[in-house]
Amino acid sequence: MLHFNFDNIQISPEHCVIGFGTTLIVAPHADDESLGCGGVISLLRKYVQTVYIVLLSDGTLSHPNSKEYPADKLRDLREKELVNAAGILGVSAENIFFCRYTDRNVPSRNDEEFEKAVENISTMLDMLQPQTIFVPWRRDPHPDHKAAFQILSAATTPGITIYEYPIWLQELGKAADRPTSDESMAFCLDITTVLAKKQEAIAQHRSQITDLISDDPGGFRLAKEMLSQFNVPYETFYITKQ
């Protein structure tokens, strides 16, 4: 039976995702939403829960030397890939928001632009009224992922539950990056029934997983080993201990 594991407590997916209510998925880059949250998004939409996605960065440093895809064209491509992936998961384009911060420069706590970023996200939260937010793990080893958590932590108000999802933790994380038993509780959401949709959504990010952009030898591409971490029938999340 499909179930939700939380510190050895099993809750049916219907009660789990309906309990999430209106949900905001925070993606530092186009593909993070599908890799880290494709299953939970699909389950939320299966049970007719409202889902919004906010994309923080413009993603233009994945292939910085491409002549065929200069920055503006690459940004547009990656945003289109996200819209296509979200559509497969059941989220319409009007529920997607683009912040277009420079790739690898999403404002972090020590940046001059941080307070303005917090203000902008706070305005969005006031407008959307989410009950639940999914954001990258606070020490996920990428500066934009850490910044995403910092912005959302500063912007959220009581009554909103934050769940953190890892992307690069297993691949690049050091011991100090990992959650401690004192700060977070981990749980796994069984996504068996929607795993195929998650994989279909990931496949829409062709600029990141194929040779679509072939004129930048140093361009980024998700390795098969990395992708295999997200081709499993569960998603892992962390929630702060009270």
Protein backbone atom coordinates (compact mmCIF):
# COMPACT_ATOMS: atom_id res chain seq x y z
CA MET A 1 0.00 0.00 0.00
CA LEU A 2 1.21 3.50 -0.78
CA HIS A 3 2.16 5.20 2.46
CA PHE A 4 3.97 8.12 4.00
CA ASN A 5 6.80 7.29 6.40
CA PHE A 6 7.52 9.80 9.14
CA ASP A 7 9.75 8.57 11.96
CA ASN A 8 8.24 5.09 11.50
CA ILE A 9 4.68 6.46 11.38
CA GLN A 10 2.79 5.54 8.21
CA ILE A 11 0.11 7.86 6.91
CA SER A 12 -1.95 7.23 3.78
CA PRO A 13 -1.02 9.46 0.82
CA GLU A 14 -4.53 10.88 0.63
CA HIS A 15 -4.29 12.27 4.16
CA CYS A 16 -0.66 13.25 3.64
CA VAL A 17 -0.97 15.37 0.52
CA ILE A 18 -4.37 16.79 1.40
CA GLY A 19 -2.79 17.84 4.69
CA PHE A 20 -0.16 19.78 2.75
CA GLY A 21 -2.88 22.01 1.30
CA THR A 22 -1.84 24.81 -1.04
CA THR A 23 1.84 24.15 -1.71
CA LEU A 24 4.73 26.23 -3.03
CA ILE A 25 7.71 24.47 -4.61
CA VAL A 26 10.89 26.58 -4.56
CA ALA A 27 13.33 25.61 -7.31
CA PRO A 28 16.71 27.36 -7.50
CA HIS A 29 17.17 26.00 -11.03
CA ALA A 30 14.89 24.56 -13.68
CA ASP A 31 15.03 20.78 -13.04
CA ASP A 32 15.24 20.96 -9.22
CA GLU A 33 11.44 20.92 -9.05
CA SER A 34 11.27 17.61 -10.93
CA LEU A 35 14.33 15.96 -9.41
CA GLY A 36 13.52 16.73 -5.79
CA CYS A 37 9.75 17.11 -5.77
CA GLY A 38 8.34 15.58 -8.97
CA GLY A 39 6.62 12.82 -7.03
CA VAL A 40 5.04 14.98 -4.35
CA ILE A 41 3.90 17.51 -6.97
CA SER A 42 2.23 14.76 -8.98
CA LEU A 43 0.55 13.32 -5.89
CA LEU A 44 -0.66 16.75 -4.80
CA ARG A 45 -2.24 17.35 -8.18
CA LYS A 46 -3.68 13.82 -8.23
CA TYR A 47 -5.63 14.77 -5.12
CA VAL A 48 -6.54 18.18 -6.55
CA GLN A 49 -4.32 20.25 -4.28
CA THR A 50 -3.11 23.65 -5.53
CA VAL A 51 0.60 23.78 -6.39
CA TYR A 52 2.72 26.79 -7.31
CA ILE A 53 6.34 26.73 -8.47
CA VAL A 54 8.80 29.61 -8.16
CA LEU A 55 12.04 29.43 -10.15
CA LEU A 56 14.73 31.59 -8.55
CA SER A 57 17.67 31.65 -10.99
CA ASP A 58 17.94 32.18 -14.73
CA GLY A 59 20.06 29.03 -15.17
CA THR A 60 22.35 30.69 -17.69
CA LEU A 61 25.64 29.31 -16.32
CA SER A 62 24.88 25.72 -17.30
CA HIS A 63 26.37 26.42 -20.75
CA PRO A 64 28.09 29.82 -20.51
CA ASN A 65 30.22 29.41 -23.64
CA SER A 66 27.51 28.32 -26.05
CA LYS A 67 27.19 30.54 -29.12
CA GLU A 68 23.99 28.81 -30.22
CA TYR A 69 22.39 29.45 -26.83
CA PRO A 70 23.53 32.84 -25.48
CA ALA A 71 22.28 33.78 -22.04
CA ASP A 72 18.82 35.10 -22.96
CA LYS A 73 18.08 32.17 -25.26
CA LEU A 74 19.31 29.65 -22.70
CA ARG A 75 17.20 31.27 -19.99
CA ASP A 76 14.11 31.06 -22.19
CA LEU A 77 14.86 27.44 -23.06
CA ARG A 78 15.25 26.39 -19.46
CA GLU A 79 12.08 28.20 -18.42
CA LYS A 80 10.20 26.46 -21.24
CA GLU A 81 11.57 23.10 -20.09
CA LEU A 82 10.28 23.80 -16.59
CA VAL A 83 6.84 24.75 -17.92
CA ASN A 84 6.73 21.51 -19.92
CA ALA A 85 7.84 19.43 -16.94
CA ALA A 86 5.33 21.13 -14.64
CA GLY A 87 2.56 20.47 -17.15
CA ILE A 88 3.30 16.76 -17.05
CA LEU A 89 3.11 16.88 -13.25
CA GLY A 90 -0.21 18.72 -13.44
CA VAL A 91 0.86 22.32 -12.74
CA SER A 92 -0.27 24.91 -15.28
CA ALA A 93 1.93 27.72 -16.57
CA GLU A 94 -0.04 30.42 -14.74
CA ASN A 95 1.03 28.83 -11.44
CA ILE A 96 4.75 29.28 -12.22
CA PHE A 97 6.76 32.35 -11.27
CA PHE A 98 10.23 33.36 -12.54
CA CYS A 99 12.56 35.51 -10.42
CA ARG A 100 15.49 35.43 -12.88
CA TYR A 101 18.29 35.95 -10.39
CA THR A 102 21.68 35.41 -12.00
CA ASP A 103 22.70 31.76 -11.89
CA ARG A 104 24.95 31.02 -8.87
CA ASN A 105 24.07 34.46 -7.52
CA VAL A 106 20.68 33.99 -5.90
CA PRO A 107 20.94 36.50 -3.00
CA SER A 108 22.19 34.93 0.21
CA ARG A 109 22.15 36.29 3.73
CA ASN A 110 25.31 38.39 3.35
CA ASP A 111 24.37 39.98 0.01
CA GLU A 112 23.06 43.52 -0.36
CA GLU A 113 20.12 42.22 -2.42
CA PHE A 114 19.04 39.72 0.24
CA GLU A 115 16.50 41.90 2.05
CA LYS A 116 14.87 42.86 -1.24
CA ALA A 117 14.67 39.18 -2.23
CA VAL A 118 13.04 38.40 1.12
CA GLU A 119 10.59 41.25 0.60
CA ASN A 120 9.68 39.98 -2.88
CA ILE A 121 9.13 36.42 -1.69
CA SER A 122 7.13 37.67 1.31
CA THR A 123 4.84 39.53 -1.08
CA MET A 124 4.42 36.34 -3.09
CA LEU A 125 3.57 34.36 0.05
CA ASP A 126 0.99 36.96 1.06
CA MET A 127 -0.58 36.62 -2.38
CA LEU A 128 -0.50 32.82 -2.67
CA GLN A 129 -1.16 31.92 0.98
CA PRO A 130 0.59 28.53 0.89
CA GLN A 131 0.24 26.16 3.81
CA THR A 132 3.32 24.19 2.83
CA ILE A 133 6.63 25.08 1.17
CA PHE A 134 9.24 22.74 -0.30
CA VAL A 135 12.72 24.29 -0.54
CA PRO A 136 16.20 22.77 -0.94
CA TRP A 137 17.94 21.38 2.14
CA ARG A 138 19.56 24.26 4.03
CA ARG A 139 23.11 22.98 3.48
CA ASP A 140 22.64 21.41 0.08
CA PRO A 141 26.10 21.95 -1.48
CA HIS A 142 25.27 24.61 -4.05
CA PRO A 143 25.22 28.37 -3.25
CA ASP A 144 21.83 28.94 -4.89
CA HIS A 145 20.27 26.08 -2.91
CA LYS A 146 21.57 27.45 0.38
CA ALA A 147 20.39 30.94 -0.59
CA ALA A 148 16.92 29.60 -1.43
CA PHE A 149 16.53 28.21 2.07
CA GLN A 150 17.82 31.43 3.65
CA ILE A 151 15.35 33.57 1.69
CA LEU A 152 12.37 31.37 2.48
CA SER A 153 13.34 31.06 6.14
CA ALA A 154 13.46 34.83 6.45
CA ALA A 155 10.24 35.34 4.50
CA THR A 156 7.92 32.75 6.02
CA THR A 157 5.48 33.41 8.81
CA PRO A 158 4.06 31.11 11.50
CA GLY A 159 1.57 28.63 10.15
CA ILE A 160 3.56 27.69 7.04
CA THR A 161 5.33 24.34 7.19
CA ILE A 162 8.70 24.09 5.42
CA TYR A 163 9.96 20.78 4.05
CA GLU A 164 13.53 20.61 2.77
CA TYR A 165 14.60 18.41 -0.14
CA PRO A 166 18.18 17.36 -1.00
CA ILE A 167 19.56 17.54 -4.53
CA TRP A 168 23.38 17.51 -4.30
CA LEU A 169 23.72 16.27 -0.73
CA GLN A 170 24.48 12.66 -1.61
CA GLU A 171 26.71 13.53 -4.58
CA LEU A 172 28.76 16.41 -3.17
CA GLY A 173 27.89 16.74 0.49
CA LYS A 174 30.45 16.54 3.28
CA ALA A 175 29.79 15.32 6.79
CA ALA A 176 29.08 18.86 8.01
CA ASP A 177 26.43 19.34 5.31
CA ARG A 178 24.28 16.45 6.44
CA PRO A 179 21.28 16.83 8.73
CA THR A 180 21.87 16.12 12.40
CA SER A 181 19.45 14.21 14.56
CA ASP A 182 19.05 17.28 16.74
CA GLU A 183 17.91 19.67 14.00
CA SER A 184 15.75 17.72 11.54
CA MET A 185 13.53 14.71 11.13
CA ALA A 186 13.74 12.80 7.85
CA PHE A 187 10.90 11.02 6.13
CA CYS A 188 10.30 9.27 2.82
CA LEU A 189 7.23 9.74 0.68
CA ASP A 190 6.30 6.69 -1.37
CA ILE A 191 5.85 7.90 -4.97
CA THR A 192 5.55 4.48 -6.62
CA THR A 193 2.30 5.32 -8.39
CA VAL A 194 3.67 8.53 -9.92
CA LEU A 195 7.32 7.62 -10.49
CA ALA A 196 6.78 7.30 -14.25
CA LYS A 197 5.36 10.84 -14.38
CA LYS A 198 8.33 12.13 -12.38
CA GLN A 199 10.74 10.53 -14.87
CA GLU A 200 8.78 11.98 -17.78
CA ALA A 201 9.03 15.42 -16.18
CA ILE A 202 12.78 15.10 -15.62
CA ALA A 203 13.16 14.11 -19.29
CA GLN A 204 11.76 17.49 -20.34
CA HIS A 205 14.95 19.17 -19.10
CA ARG A 206 16.80 18.17 -22.25
CA SER A 207 19.35 20.98 -21.97
CA GLN A 208 20.57 19.42 -18.72
CA ILE A 209 20.45 15.70 -19.49
CA THR A 210 21.23 15.40 -23.23
CA ASP A 211 23.59 16.85 -25.84
CA LEU A 212 20.95 19.33 -26.99
CA ILE A 213 23.49 22.12 -26.44
CA SER A 214 26.52 20.73 -28.21
CA ASP A 215 28.77 23.76 -28.72
CA ASP A 216 30.03 24.18 -25.14
CA PRO A 217 32.44 21.33 -24.25
CA GLY A 218 32.53 22.48 -20.65
CA GLY A 219 28.77 22.76 -20.35
CA PHE A 220 26.85 21.15 -17.52
CA ARG A 221 25.13 17.81 -17.85
CA LEU A 222 23.53 15.68 -15.16
CA ALA A 223 25.40 12.38 -14.98
CA LYS A 224 23.53 9.09 -15.28
CA GLU A 225 24.67 8.19 -11.78
CA MET A 226 23.20 11.41 -10.45
CA LEU A 227 19.92 10.88 -12.30
CA SER A 228 19.66 7.35 -10.96
CA GLN A 229 19.39 8.76 -7.43
CA PHE A 230 16.05 10.27 -8.46
CA ASN A 231 14.72 7.19 -10.24
CA VAL A 232 13.55 5.54 -7.04
CA PRO A 233 10.01 5.03 -5.70
CA TYR A 234 10.36 7.54 -2.87
CA GLU A 235 11.37 11.13 -2.16
CA THR A 236 13.25 12.19 0.95
CA PHE A 237 12.44 15.36 2.87
CA TYR A 238 13.53 16.98 6.13
CA ILE A 239 11.50 19.00 8.59
CA THR A 240 12.94 21.09 11.40
CA LYS A 241 12.45 19.70 14.89
CA GLN A 242 10.51 22.01 17.19
